[in-house]
Protein backbone atom coordinates (compact mmCIF):
# COMPACT_ATOMS: atom_id res chain seq x y z
CA MET A 1 5.20 0.01 8.41
CA THR A 2 4.43 2.99 10.53
CA LYS A 3 1.08 4.74 10.54
CA GLN A 4 2.54 7.67 8.60
CA THR A 5 3.99 5.40 5.93
CA LYS A 6 0.72 3.54 5.57
CA LEU A 7 -1.20 6.80 5.33
CA ALA A 8 1.19 8.12 2.69
CA SER A 9 0.90 4.90 0.71
CA LEU A 10 -2.90 5.00 0.87
CA SER A 11 -2.93 8.65 -0.14
CA ILE A 12 -0.70 7.97 -3.12
CA ALA A 13 -2.88 5.02 -4.11
CA ALA A 14 -5.94 7.26 -4.00
CA VAL A 15 -4.25 9.86 -6.19
CA LEU A 16 -3.19 7.19 -8.67
CA SER A 17 -6.70 5.76 -8.79
CA ALA A 18 -8.19 9.18 -9.41
CA ALA A 19 -5.66 9.84 -12.17
CA LEU A 20 -6.47 6.55 -13.85
CA LEU A 21 -10.21 7.11 -13.63
CA GLY A 22 -9.77 10.60 -15.02
CA GLY A 23 -7.67 9.34 -17.89
CA CYS A 24 -4.72 11.54 -16.90
CA ALA A 25 -2.18 8.73 -16.76
CA THR A 26 -1.45 5.73 -18.90
CA ASP A 27 -1.13 2.31 -17.33
CA GLN A 28 2.66 2.46 -17.49
CA GLU A 29 2.76 5.97 -16.01
CA ALA A 30 0.55 4.81 -13.15
CA ARG A 31 2.84 1.82 -12.54
CA ASP A 32 5.90 4.07 -12.61
CA MET A 33 4.31 6.49 -10.16
CA ALA A 34 3.28 3.63 -7.88
CA GLN A 35 6.80 2.19 -7.97
CA ALA A 36 8.30 5.60 -7.17
CA ALA A 37 5.86 5.95 -4.27
CA MET A 38 6.76 2.50 -2.98
CA ASP A 39 10.48 3.25 -3.28
CA SER A 40 9.99 6.47 -1.29
CA ALA A 41 7.95 4.70 1.37
CA ASN A 42 10.57 1.96 1.69
CA ALA A 43 13.36 4.55 2.01
CA ALA A 44 11.41 6.41 4.68
CA GLN A 45 10.78 3.19 6.59
CA ALA A 46 14.46 2.24 6.40
CA CYS A 47 15.37 5.63 7.82
CA CYS A 48 12.89 5.19 10.68
CA ASN A 49 14.20 1.72 11.43
CA ALA A 50 17.79 2.98 11.52
CA ASN A 51 16.81 5.81 13.87
CA GLU A 52 14.95 3.43 16.15
CA GLU A 53 17.96 1.09 16.31
CA ARG A 54 20.27 4.01 17.10
CA ILE A 55 17.98 5.25 19.87
CA ASN A 56 17.66 1.75 21.32
CA ARG A 57 21.46 1.38 21.41
CA MET A 58 21.80 4.73 23.16
CA TYR A 59 19.12 3.73 25.68
CA GLN A 60 20.80 0.38 26.37
CA LYS A 61 24.15 2.11 26.83
CA ILE A 62 22.67 4.58 29.32
CA MET A 63 20.77 1.90 31.24
CA SER A 64 23.86 -0.31 31.56
CA LYS A 65 25.77 2.37 33.48
């Protein structure tokens, strides 16, 4: 995971913890929010990985000329 993804995940975890301590979310709501956050983080990481692969291919193509 990248630093931004880790930071986002930690931030979301902090928000969820605060919501639970404040009684604003039920256990299931907190789990659903955490799962949505994890899904978003995974999608963002997949996008970053795809971009990195594309850039690496372009670099290799340029360097082979």
